Amino acid sequence: MYKKQAGQINIYSFITPFGGILNKDNRWVRYADIIPWDEIERIYASKFSRRGAPAKPLRMVLGAYILKNEYNFTELRIIDEINENPYLQYFIGLNEYLNKVPLSASLIRSFNKRFSEDDLEKIETILGKAKNNLKSK
């Protein structure tokens, strides 16, 4: 089962452990803000039935998958990195900094198994356009 999130967070609503705000010019903040999460979420949500336990939000799972591939880390290592970095936590859509993110290595590992080849190509195209837009800004 998949429940659509109420809306994407923004940098000013993210609660940091040190009482400050995130830098809007950070590459992960900029990338997160330019990805059309809702467009990809429609593809993701269509892969779930209306029954069963709710799935993790698309931004959390896809965000962790993107980070894993960007850094070329194992799933366990990227979870460690996300646990330590508020910018990465913002990127995966958390509303505030957590000491332990609610994400498992197996969930990241199985992310792309949910999609057809066509779906993965669409997602890669969407992400490629977002990344190109980020580079041009």
N, C-alpha and C. Protein backbone atom coordinates (compact mmCIF):
# COMPACT_ATOMS: atom_id res chain seq x y z
N MET A 1 0.85 -1.17 0.00
CA MET A 1 0.00 0.00 0.00
C MET A 1 0.89 1.23 0.00
N TYR A 2 0.47 2.24 -0.71
CA TYR A 2 1.23 3.49 -0.76
C TYR A 2 0.32 4.65 -0.42
N LYS A 3 0.75 5.48 0.51
CA LYS A 3 0.01 6.69 0.87
C LYS A 3 0.80 7.90 0.41
N LYS A 4 0.18 8.70 -0.44
CA LYS A 4 0.83 9.91 -0.94
C LYS A 4 1.12 10.85 0.22
N GLN A 5 2.29 11.44 0.21
CA GLN A 5 2.68 12.39 1.24
C GLN A 5 1.91 13.70 1.07
N ALA A 6 1.73 14.43 2.14
CA ALA A 6 0.95 15.67 2.11
C ALA A 6 1.55 16.71 1.17
N GLY A 7 2.81 16.72 1.01
CA GLY A 7 3.49 17.68 0.15
C GLY A 7 4.97 17.63 0.44
N GLN A 8 5.75 18.12 -0.47
CA GLN A 8 7.19 18.10 -0.27
C GLN A 8 7.59 19.16 0.76
N ILE A 9 8.60 18.82 1.54
CA ILE A 9 9.10 19.78 2.53
C ILE A 9 9.93 20.83 1.82
N ASN A 10 10.19 21.92 2.50
CA ASN A 10 11.11 22.91 1.96
C ASN A 10 12.20 23.16 2.99
N ILE A 11 13.23 23.81 2.57
CA ILE A 11 14.42 24.02 3.41
C ILE A 11 14.10 24.75 4.72
N TYR A 12 13.11 25.62 4.70
CA TYR A 12 12.81 26.43 5.87
C TYR A 12 11.99 25.69 6.92
N SER A 13 11.42 24.55 6.56
CA SER A 13 10.64 23.78 7.53
C SER A 13 11.43 22.62 8.13
N PHE A 14 12.65 22.38 7.65
CA PHE A 14 13.49 21.31 8.17
C PHE A 14 14.05 21.72 9.52
N ILE A 15 13.85 20.89 10.53
CA ILE A 15 14.30 21.20 11.89
C ILE A 15 15.67 20.57 12.12
N THR A 16 16.64 21.41 12.40
CA THR A 16 18.01 20.92 12.62
C THR A 16 18.26 20.73 14.11
N PRO A 17 19.21 19.87 14.47
CA PRO A 17 19.50 19.63 15.89
C PRO A 17 20.22 20.81 16.54
N PHE A 18 20.77 21.70 15.73
CA PHE A 18 21.56 22.79 16.27
C PHE A 18 20.83 24.12 16.20
N GLY A 19 19.56 24.09 15.85
CA GLY A 19 18.74 25.30 15.88
C GLY A 19 18.91 26.24 14.71
N GLY A 20 19.75 25.92 13.75
CA GLY A 20 19.96 26.78 12.60
C GLY A 20 19.11 26.32 11.43
N ILE A 21 19.38 26.88 10.28
CA ILE A 21 18.71 26.42 9.07
C ILE A 21 19.76 25.93 8.09
N LEU A 22 19.33 25.09 7.19
CA LEU A 22 20.25 24.57 6.19
C LEU A 22 20.60 25.65 5.17
N ASN A 23 21.76 25.53 4.59
CA ASN A 23 22.22 26.47 3.57
C ASN A 23 21.50 26.17 2.26
N LYS A 24 20.76 27.12 1.74
CA LYS A 24 19.98 26.91 0.51
C LYS A 24 20.86 26.67 -0.70
N ASP A 25 22.14 26.97 -0.63
CA ASP A 25 23.06 26.77 -1.75
C ASP A 25 23.76 25.42 -1.72
N ASN A 26 23.50 24.61 -0.69
CA ASN A 26 24.09 23.28 -0.63
C ASN A 26 23.61 22.46 -1.83
N ARG A 27 24.49 21.66 -2.41
CA ARG A 27 24.14 20.92 -3.63
C ARG A 27 22.98 19.96 -3.43
N TRP A 28 22.86 19.36 -2.24
CA TRP A 28 21.76 18.41 -2.01
C TRP A 28 20.44 19.14 -1.80
N VAL A 29 20.48 20.32 -1.22
CA VAL A 29 19.26 21.14 -1.09
C VAL A 29 18.81 21.57 -2.48
N ARG A 30 19.74 22.06 -3.28
CA ARG A 30 19.41 22.52 -4.63
C ARG A 30 18.87 21.38 -5.49
N TYR A 31 19.51 20.22 -5.43
CA TYR A 31 19.07 19.07 -6.22
C TYR A 31 17.69 18.60 -5.77
N ALA A 32 17.50 18.50 -4.45
CA ALA A 32 16.19 18.07 -3.93
C ALA A 32 15.08 19.01 -4.37
N ASP A 33 15.37 20.29 -4.42
CA ASP A 33 14.35 21.27 -4.77
C ASP A 33 14.03 21.29 -6.26
N ILE A 34 14.88 20.72 -7.09
CA ILE A 34 14.65 20.76 -8.53
C ILE A 34 14.08 19.43 -9.07
N ILE A 35 14.19 18.36 -8.30
CA ILE A 35 13.64 17.07 -8.73
C ILE A 35 12.12 17.13 -8.66
N PRO A 36 11.44 16.72 -9.72
CA PRO A 36 9.97 16.69 -9.69
C PRO A 36 9.48 15.41 -8.98
N TRP A 37 9.60 15.40 -7.67
CA TRP A 37 9.26 14.22 -6.88
C TRP A 37 7.85 13.73 -7.17
N ASP A 38 6.89 14.65 -7.29
CA ASP A 38 5.49 14.26 -7.51
C ASP A 38 5.32 13.50 -8.82
N GLU A 39 6.06 13.88 -9.83
CA GLU A 39 5.98 13.19 -11.13
C GLU A 39 6.48 11.74 -11.00
N ILE A 40 7.57 11.56 -10.30
CA ILE A 40 8.12 10.22 -10.11
C ILE A 40 7.25 9.43 -9.13
N GLU A 41 6.67 10.13 -8.18
CA GLU A 41 5.82 9.47 -7.18
C GLU A 41 4.61 8.80 -7.83
N ARG A 42 4.09 9.37 -8.90
CA ARG A 42 2.95 8.75 -9.60
C ARG A 42 3.34 7.37 -10.15
N ILE A 43 4.55 7.26 -10.67
CA ILE A 43 5.02 5.97 -11.17
C ILE A 43 5.18 5.00 -10.00
N TYR A 44 5.80 5.46 -8.92
CA TYR A 44 6.06 4.64 -7.74
C TYR A 44 4.76 4.16 -7.10
N ALA A 45 3.82 5.06 -6.90
CA ALA A 45 2.57 4.72 -6.23
C ALA A 45 1.77 3.68 -7.01
N SER A 46 1.90 3.69 -8.32
CA SER A 46 1.15 2.74 -9.15
C SER A 46 1.62 1.29 -8.96
N LYS A 47 2.74 1.09 -8.31
CA LYS A 47 3.31 -0.24 -8.12
C LYS A 47 2.80 -0.93 -6.85
N PHE A 48 1.96 -0.25 -6.09
CA PHE A 48 1.48 -0.79 -4.83
C PHE A 48 -0.02 -1.06 -4.88
N SER A 49 -0.45 -2.04 -4.11
CA SER A 49 -1.89 -2.30 -3.98
C SER A 49 -2.45 -1.37 -2.91
N ARG A 50 -3.74 -1.39 -2.74
CA ARG A 50 -4.40 -0.55 -1.73
C ARG A 50 -4.40 -1.22 -0.36
N ARG A 51 -3.88 -2.41 -0.28
CA ARG A 51 -3.87 -3.17 0.98
C ARG A 51 -2.44 -3.35 1.48
N GLY A 52 -2.35 -3.71 2.73
CA GLY A 52 -1.05 -4.01 3.30
C GLY A 52 -0.46 -2.84 4.05
N ALA A 53 0.73 -3.05 4.54
CA ALA A 53 1.42 -2.01 5.31
C ALA A 53 1.83 -0.88 4.37
N PRO A 54 1.78 0.35 4.86
CA PRO A 54 2.19 1.48 4.00
C PRO A 54 3.67 1.40 3.62
N ALA A 55 3.94 1.74 2.38
CA ALA A 55 5.32 1.77 1.89
C ALA A 55 6.01 3.05 2.37
N LYS A 56 7.32 3.03 2.34
CA LYS A 56 8.09 4.24 2.64
C LYS A 56 7.84 5.26 1.55
N PRO A 57 7.91 6.55 1.88
CA PRO A 57 7.70 7.59 0.86
C PRO A 57 8.73 7.48 -0.26
N LEU A 58 8.28 7.80 -1.46
CA LEU A 58 9.15 7.77 -2.63
C LEU A 58 10.41 8.59 -2.42
N ARG A 59 10.27 9.79 -1.91
CA ARG A 59 11.46 10.66 -1.76
C ARG A 59 12.50 10.01 -0.86
N MET A 60 12.07 9.31 0.18
CA MET A 60 13.01 8.66 1.08
C MET A 60 13.77 7.55 0.37
N VAL A 61 13.05 6.69 -0.31
CA VAL A 61 13.67 5.53 -0.95
C VAL A 61 14.48 5.93 -2.18
N LEU A 62 13.87 6.72 -3.06
CA LEU A 62 14.59 7.16 -4.25
C LEU A 62 15.76 8.06 -3.87
N GLY A 63 15.56 8.93 -2.89
CA GLY A 63 16.64 9.80 -2.44
C GLY A 63 17.84 9.00 -1.96
N ALA A 64 17.59 7.98 -1.14
CA ALA A 64 18.69 7.14 -0.65
C ALA A 64 19.35 6.38 -1.81
N TYR A 65 18.55 5.94 -2.76
CA TYR A 65 19.07 5.24 -3.94
C TYR A 65 19.97 6.17 -4.77
N ILE A 66 19.53 7.41 -4.96
CA ILE A 66 20.34 8.39 -5.69
C ILE A 66 21.65 8.65 -4.96
N LEU A 67 21.58 8.85 -3.64
CA LEU A 67 22.79 9.11 -2.85
C LEU A 67 23.75 7.93 -2.91
N LYS A 68 23.22 6.72 -2.79
CA LYS A 68 24.06 5.53 -2.85
C LYS A 68 24.82 5.49 -4.17
N ASN A 69 24.11 5.75 -5.26
CA ASN A 69 24.76 5.70 -6.57
C ASN A 69 25.71 6.88 -6.79
N GLU A 70 25.35 8.04 -6.29
CA GLU A 70 26.19 9.22 -6.45
C GLU A 70 27.55 9.04 -5.75
N TYR A 71 27.51 8.52 -4.53
CA TYR A 71 28.72 8.33 -3.75
C TYR A 71 29.40 6.97 -4.03
N ASN A 72 28.68 6.08 -4.73
CA ASN A 72 29.18 4.74 -4.99
C ASN A 72 29.46 3.99 -3.69
N PHE A 73 28.52 4.11 -2.74
CA PHE A 73 28.62 3.44 -1.45
C PHE A 73 27.72 2.22 -1.43
N THR A 74 27.96 1.34 -0.47
CA THR A 74 27.03 0.23 -0.23
C THR A 74 25.78 0.81 0.42
N GLU A 75 24.73 0.02 0.45
CA GLU A 75 23.49 0.46 1.09
C GLU A 75 23.70 0.76 2.57
N LEU A 76 24.46 -0.09 3.25
CA LEU A 76 24.73 0.14 4.68
C LEU A 76 25.53 1.42 4.90
N ARG A 77 26.51 1.65 4.05
CA ARG A 77 27.33 2.86 4.20
C ARG A 77 26.52 4.13 3.95
N ILE A 78 25.62 4.11 2.96
CA ILE A 78 24.86 5.33 2.69
C ILE A 78 23.88 5.60 3.83
N ILE A 79 23.37 4.57 4.46
CA ILE A 79 22.51 4.80 5.63
C ILE A 79 23.31 5.46 6.74
N ASP A 80 24.54 5.01 6.96
CA ASP A 80 25.41 5.66 7.95
C ASP A 80 25.62 7.13 7.61
N GLU A 81 25.90 7.40 6.35
CA GLU A 81 26.12 8.79 5.92
C GLU A 81 24.87 9.64 6.12
N ILE A 82 23.71 9.09 5.77
CA ILE A 82 22.45 9.82 5.95
C ILE A 82 22.21 10.08 7.44
N ASN A 83 22.51 9.10 8.28
CA ASN A 83 22.33 9.27 9.73
C ASN A 83 23.16 10.43 10.27
N GLU A 84 24.29 10.72 9.65
CA GLU A 84 25.21 11.73 10.16
C GLU A 84 25.05 13.10 9.52
N ASN A 85 24.26 13.23 8.47
CA ASN A 85 24.28 14.45 7.68
C ASN A 85 22.88 15.04 7.49
N PRO A 86 22.61 16.21 8.07
CA PRO A 86 21.28 16.81 7.93
C PRO A 86 20.93 17.17 6.48
N TYR A 87 21.91 17.48 5.66
CA TYR A 87 21.64 17.79 4.26
C TYR A 87 21.14 16.55 3.52
N LEU A 88 21.72 15.41 3.81
CA LEU A 88 21.26 14.18 3.18
C LEU A 88 19.88 13.79 3.71
N GLN A 89 19.63 14.07 4.99
CA GLN A 89 18.31 13.80 5.54
C GLN A 89 17.25 14.69 4.90
N TYR A 90 17.60 15.93 4.66
CA TYR A 90 16.68 16.81 3.93
C TYR A 90 16.45 16.26 2.52
N PHE A 91 17.51 15.83 1.87
CA PHE A 91 17.40 15.32 0.51
C PHE A 91 16.41 14.15 0.43
N ILE A 92 16.41 13.26 1.43
CA ILE A 92 15.50 12.12 1.39
C ILE A 92 14.11 12.46 1.95
N GLY A 93 13.88 13.73 2.27
CA GLY A 93 12.54 14.17 2.61
C GLY A 93 12.16 14.14 4.08
N LEU A 94 13.12 13.97 4.96
CA LEU A 94 12.77 14.02 6.38
C LEU A 94 12.45 15.45 6.79
N ASN A 95 11.55 15.61 7.75
CA ASN A 95 11.15 16.93 8.21
C ASN A 95 12.11 17.51 9.24
N GLU A 96 12.88 16.64 9.86
CA GLU A 96 13.83 17.08 10.88
C GLU A 96 14.96 16.08 10.97
N TYR A 97 16.03 16.52 11.60
CA TYR A 97 17.19 15.66 11.76
C TYR A 97 16.86 14.53 12.73
N LEU A 98 17.21 13.31 12.35
CA LEU A 98 17.03 12.13 13.20
C LEU A 98 18.38 11.46 13.41
N ASN A 99 18.59 10.90 14.59
CA ASN A 99 19.83 10.16 14.84
C ASN A 99 19.87 8.85 14.08
N LYS A 100 18.70 8.30 13.79
CA LYS A 100 18.61 7.03 13.04
C LYS A 100 17.45 7.14 12.07
N VAL A 101 17.76 7.12 10.78
CA VAL A 101 16.71 7.25 9.76
C VAL A 101 15.90 5.95 9.66
N PRO A 102 14.61 6.07 9.37
CA PRO A 102 13.75 4.89 9.27
C PRO A 102 13.84 4.23 7.90
N LEU A 103 15.02 3.69 7.61
CA LEU A 103 15.30 3.16 6.29
C LEU A 103 16.23 1.96 6.44
N SER A 104 16.02 0.94 5.64
CA SER A 104 16.88 -0.25 5.71
C SER A 104 17.67 -0.41 4.42
N ALA A 105 18.79 -1.08 4.55
CA ALA A 105 19.63 -1.35 3.39
C ALA A 105 18.88 -2.19 2.37
N SER A 106 18.09 -3.14 2.84
CA SER A 106 17.37 -4.01 1.90
C SER A 106 16.33 -3.23 1.10
N LEU A 107 15.75 -2.20 1.69
CA LEU A 107 14.79 -1.38 0.96
C LEU A 107 15.46 -0.61 -0.17
N ILE A 108 16.64 -0.07 0.10
CA ILE A 108 17.39 0.63 -0.95
C ILE A 108 17.79 -0.37 -2.04
N ARG A 109 18.24 -1.54 -1.62
CA ARG A 109 18.71 -2.57 -2.54
C ARG A 109 17.59 -3.02 -3.48
N SER A 110 16.38 -3.08 -2.96
CA SER A 110 15.26 -3.61 -3.76
C SER A 110 14.49 -2.52 -4.49
N PHE A 111 14.90 -1.26 -4.36
CA PHE A 111 14.14 -0.16 -4.95
C PHE A 111 13.83 -0.36 -6.43
N ASN A 112 14.84 -0.61 -7.23
CA ASN A 112 14.61 -0.69 -8.68
C ASN A 112 13.93 -1.98 -9.12
N LYS A 113 13.81 -2.96 -8.24
CA LYS A 113 13.14 -4.22 -8.58
C LYS A 113 11.63 -4.02 -8.73
N ARG A 114 11.11 -2.94 -8.21
CA ARG A 114 9.68 -2.65 -8.29
C ARG A 114 9.24 -2.17 -9.65
N PHE A 115 10.18 -1.75 -10.46
CA PHE A 115 9.85 -1.05 -11.70
C PHE A 115 10.15 -1.89 -12.94
N SER A 116 9.39 -1.62 -13.98
CA SER A 116 9.69 -2.21 -15.28
C SER A 116 10.87 -1.44 -15.87
N GLU A 117 11.44 -1.99 -16.93
CA GLU A 117 12.54 -1.31 -17.62
C GLU A 117 12.09 0.05 -18.13
N ASP A 118 10.86 0.11 -18.63
CA ASP A 118 10.29 1.37 -19.14
C ASP A 118 10.16 2.40 -18.03
N ASP A 119 9.69 1.95 -16.86
CA ASP A 119 9.56 2.86 -15.71
C ASP A 119 10.92 3.41 -15.30
N LEU A 120 11.91 2.54 -15.24
CA LEU A 120 13.26 2.98 -14.85
C LEU A 120 13.83 3.98 -15.85
N GLU A 121 13.57 3.76 -17.12
CA GLU A 121 14.03 4.72 -18.14
C GLU A 121 13.36 6.07 -17.96
N LYS A 122 12.05 6.07 -17.66
CA LYS A 122 11.33 7.33 -17.42
C LYS A 122 11.91 8.06 -16.22
N ILE A 123 12.16 7.32 -15.14
CA ILE A 123 12.72 7.92 -13.92
C ILE A 123 14.10 8.48 -14.20
N GLU A 124 14.94 7.72 -14.89
CA GLU A 124 16.29 8.19 -15.23
C GLU A 124 16.24 9.45 -16.10
N THR A 125 15.30 9.50 -17.03
CA THR A 125 15.14 10.68 -17.89
C THR A 125 14.74 11.89 -17.06
N ILE A 126 13.79 11.71 -16.16
CA ILE A 126 13.34 12.81 -15.28
C ILE A 126 14.49 13.30 -14.43
N LEU A 127 15.24 12.37 -13.82
CA LEU A 127 16.37 12.76 -12.97
C LEU A 127 17.48 13.41 -13.78
N GLY A 128 17.71 12.90 -15.00
CA GLY A 128 18.73 13.50 -15.87
C GLY A 128 18.40 14.94 -16.21
N LYS A 129 17.14 15.21 -16.52
CA LYS A 129 16.72 16.58 -16.81
C LYS A 129 16.90 17.47 -15.59
N ALA A 130 16.53 16.96 -14.42
CA ALA A 130 16.69 17.74 -13.19
C ALA A 130 18.16 18.05 -12.94
N LYS A 131 19.02 17.06 -13.13
CA LYS A 131 20.45 17.26 -12.90
C LYS A 131 21.03 18.27 -13.90
N ASN A 132 20.58 18.21 -15.15
CA ASN A 132 21.03 19.18 -16.15
C ASN A 132 20.56 20.59 -15.78
N ASN A 133 19.35 20.71 -15.29
CA ASN A 133 18.84 22.02 -14.84
C ASN A 133 19.65 22.53 -13.66
N LEU A 134 20.06 21.64 -12.80
CA LEU A 134 20.87 22.03 -11.64
C LEU A 134 22.23 22.57 -12.09
N LYS A 135 22.83 21.92 -13.06
CA LYS A 135 24.14 22.34 -13.57
C LYS A 135 24.07 23.69 -14.26
N SER A 136 22.93 23.97 -14.89
CA SER A 136 22.82 25.24 -15.64
C SER A 136 22.50 26.43 -14.75
N LYS A 137 22.23 26.17 -13.47
CA LYS A 137 21.91 27.29 -12.57
C LYS A 137 23.10 27.74 -11.79
